[in-house]
């Protein structure tokens, strides 16, 4: 993500907008029972790369402190011969 701010825009706010567009919350470390919960949560709320780009763009559009942006998402596929990619400027 590249963001051109309008006024004061905290990095943490940008990160929150990006992370909220995913299938599930991100965690640096998970125990086995927690991993099951996050996997089930992501399965019930699937997001493809184009969904992620769209959701982040909508969040940025709602934010007056974001003047312009570029969003790039790549999913490193494990079951296909290619990666999924989406870009919006």
C-alpha atoms as a PDB file:
ATOM      1  CA  UNK A   1       0.000   0.000   0.000  1.00  0.00           C
ATOM      2  CA  UNK A   2       1.125   3.514  -0.805  1.00  0.00           C
ATOM      3  CA  UNK A   3      -0.835   6.291   0.881  1.00  0.00           C
ATOM      4  CA  UNK A   4      -0.641  10.040   0.362  1.00  0.00           C
ATOM      5  CA  UNK A   5      -1.965  11.554   3.589  1.00  0.00           C
ATOM      6  CA  UNK A   6      -4.025  14.692   3.963  1.00  0.00           C
ATOM      7  CA  UNK A   7      -2.986  16.047   7.342  1.00  0.00           C
ATOM      8  CA  UNK A   8      -1.878  13.763  10.174  1.00  0.00           C
ATOM      9  CA  UNK A   9      -2.467  10.080   9.438  1.00  0.00           C
ATOM     10  CA  UNK A  10      -1.088   7.533  11.876  1.00  0.00           C
ATOM     11  CA  UNK A  11       0.572   4.412  10.494  1.00  0.00           C
ATOM     12  CA  UNK A  12      -1.378   2.325  13.012  1.00  0.00           C
ATOM     13  CA  UNK A  13      -4.652   3.615  11.533  1.00  0.00           C
ATOM     14  CA  UNK A  14      -3.548   2.594   8.038  1.00  0.00           C
ATOM     15  CA  UNK A  15      -2.524  -0.844   9.289  1.00  0.00           C
ATOM     16  CA  UNK A  16      -5.901  -1.295  11.010  1.00  0.00           C
ATOM     17  CA  UNK A  17      -7.745  -0.391   7.784  1.00  0.00           C
ATOM     18  CA  UNK A  18      -5.673  -2.897   5.816  1.00  0.00           C
ATOM     19  CA  UNK A  19      -5.907  -5.745   8.339  1.00  0.00           C
ATOM     20  CA  UNK A  20      -9.666  -5.340   8.731  1.00  0.00           C
ATOM     21  CA  UNK A  21     -10.077  -6.133   5.021  1.00  0.00           C
ATOM     22  CA  UNK A  22      -8.791  -9.694   5.437  1.00  0.00           C
ATOM     23  CA  UNK A  23     -10.615 -12.952   5.991  1.00  0.00           C
ATOM     24  CA  UNK A  24      -9.571 -13.114   9.649  1.00  0.00           C
ATOM     25  CA  UNK A  25      -7.504 -11.241  12.188  1.00  0.00           C
ATOM     26  CA  UNK A  26      -3.723 -11.648  11.911  1.00  0.00           C
ATOM     27  CA  UNK A  27      -1.698 -13.146  14.756  1.00  0.00           C
ATOM     28  CA  UNK A  28       2.097 -13.439  14.990  1.00  0.00           C
ATOM     29  CA  UNK A  29       1.933 -16.757  16.892  1.00  0.00           C
ATOM     30  CA  UNK A  30      -0.888 -19.250  17.387  1.00  0.00           C
ATOM     31  CA  UNK A  31      -1.363 -22.365  19.471  1.00  0.00           C
ATOM     32  CA  UNK A  32      -3.117 -25.314  17.809  1.00  0.00           C
ATOM     33  CA  UNK A  33      -6.645 -24.573  19.191  1.00  0.00           C
ATOM     34  CA  UNK A  34      -6.295 -20.900  18.194  1.00  0.00           C
ATOM     35  CA  UNK A  35      -5.143 -21.894  14.707  1.00  0.00           C
ATOM     36  CA  UNK A  36      -8.333 -23.929  14.293  1.00  0.00           C
ATOM     37  CA  UNK A  37     -10.454 -20.924  15.330  1.00  0.00           C
ATOM     38  CA  UNK A  38      -8.693 -18.550  12.912  1.00  0.00           C
ATOM     39  CA  UNK A  39      -8.912 -21.074  10.051  1.00  0.00           C
ATOM     40  CA  UNK A  40     -12.642 -21.520  10.628  1.00  0.00           C
ATOM     41  CA  UNK A  41     -13.134 -17.756  10.844  1.00  0.00           C
ATOM     42  CA  UNK A  42     -11.285 -17.234   7.549  1.00  0.00           C
ATOM     43  CA  UNK A  43     -13.247 -20.048   5.909  1.00  0.00           C
ATOM     44  CA  UNK A  44     -16.551 -18.426   6.892  1.00  0.00           C
ATOM     45  CA  UNK A  45     -15.378 -15.010   5.602  1.00  0.00           C
ATOM     46  CA  UNK A  46     -13.348 -15.719   2.432  1.00  0.00           C
ATOM     47  CA  UNK A  47     -11.561 -12.806   0.779  1.00  0.00           C
ATOM     48  CA  UNK A  48      -9.852 -13.011  -2.578  1.00  0.00           C
ATOM     49  CA  UNK A  49      -7.179 -10.524  -3.672  1.00  0.00           C
ATOM     50  CA  UNK A  50      -9.749  -8.434  -5.553  1.00  0.00           C
ATOM     51  CA  UNK A  51     -11.955  -8.377  -2.439  1.00  0.00           C
ATOM     52  CA  UNK A  52      -9.011  -7.200  -0.335  1.00  0.00           C
ATOM     53  CA  UNK A  53      -8.178  -4.401  -2.774  1.00  0.00           C
ATOM     54  CA  UNK A  54     -11.821  -3.318  -2.893  1.00  0.00           C
ATOM     55  CA  UNK A  55     -12.276  -3.349   0.903  1.00  0.00           C
ATOM     56  CA  UNK A  56      -9.070  -1.407   1.558  1.00  0.00           C
ATOM     57  CA  UNK A  57     -10.033   1.146  -1.126  1.00  0.00           C
ATOM     58  CA  UNK A  58     -13.460   1.592   0.470  1.00  0.00           C
ATOM     59  CA  UNK A  59     -11.849   2.129   3.881  1.00  0.00           C
ATOM     60  CA  UNK A  60      -9.430   4.690   2.422  1.00  0.00           C
ATOM     61  CA  UNK A  61     -12.269   6.432   0.558  1.00  0.00           C
ATOM     62  CA  UNK A  62     -14.162   6.846   3.843  1.00  0.00           C
ATOM     63  CA  UNK A  63     -11.088   8.362   5.518  1.00  0.00           C
ATOM     64  CA  UNK A  64     -10.710  12.134   5.005  1.00  0.00           C
ATOM     65  CA  UNK A  65      -7.021  11.929   5.953  1.00  0.00           C
ATOM     66  CA  UNK A  66      -6.219   9.803   2.860  1.00  0.00           C
ATOM     67  CA  UNK A  67      -5.702  12.007  -0.219  1.00  0.00           C
ATOM     68  CA  UNK A  68      -4.537   9.273  -2.633  1.00  0.00           C
ATOM     69  CA  UNK A  69      -3.468   5.635  -2.562  1.00  0.00           C
ATOM     70  CA  UNK A  70      -2.217   2.587  -4.443  1.00  0.00           C
ATOM     71  CA  UNK A  71      -3.127  -0.895  -3.274  1.00  0.00           C
ATOM     72  CA  UNK A  72      -1.393  -4.079  -4.348  1.00  0.00           C
ATOM     73  CA  UNK A  73      -2.282  -7.567  -3.101  1.00  0.00           C
ATOM     74  CA  UNK A  74      -0.639 -10.878  -3.978  1.00  0.00           C
ATOM     75  CA  UNK A  75      -1.680 -14.273  -2.661  1.00  0.00           C
ATOM     76  CA  UNK A  76       1.074 -16.864  -2.846  1.00  0.00           C
ATOM     77  CA  UNK A  77      -0.894 -19.878  -3.993  1.00  0.00           C
ATOM     78  CA  UNK A  78      -0.158 -23.294  -2.567  1.00  0.00           C
ATOM     79  CA  UNK A  79      -2.524 -25.337  -4.755  1.00  0.00           C
ATOM     80  CA  UNK A  80      -2.191 -23.562  -8.116  1.00  0.00           C
ATOM     81  CA  UNK A  81       0.696 -23.017 -10.522  1.00  0.00           C
ATOM     82  CA  UNK A  82       0.241 -19.241 -10.312  1.00  0.00           C
ATOM     83  CA  UNK A  83      -0.231 -16.531  -7.687  1.00  0.00           C
ATOM     84  CA  UNK A  84      -3.334 -14.355  -7.486  1.00  0.00           C
ATOM     85  CA  UNK A  85      -2.659 -10.627  -7.918  1.00  0.00           C
ATOM     86  CA  UNK A  86      -4.729  -7.424  -7.817  1.00  0.00           C
ATOM     87  CA  UNK A  87      -3.735  -3.753  -8.090  1.00  0.00           C
ATOM     88  CA  UNK A  88      -5.662  -0.491  -7.806  1.00  0.00           C
ATOM     89  CA  UNK A  89      -4.337   3.057  -8.144  1.00  0.00           C
END
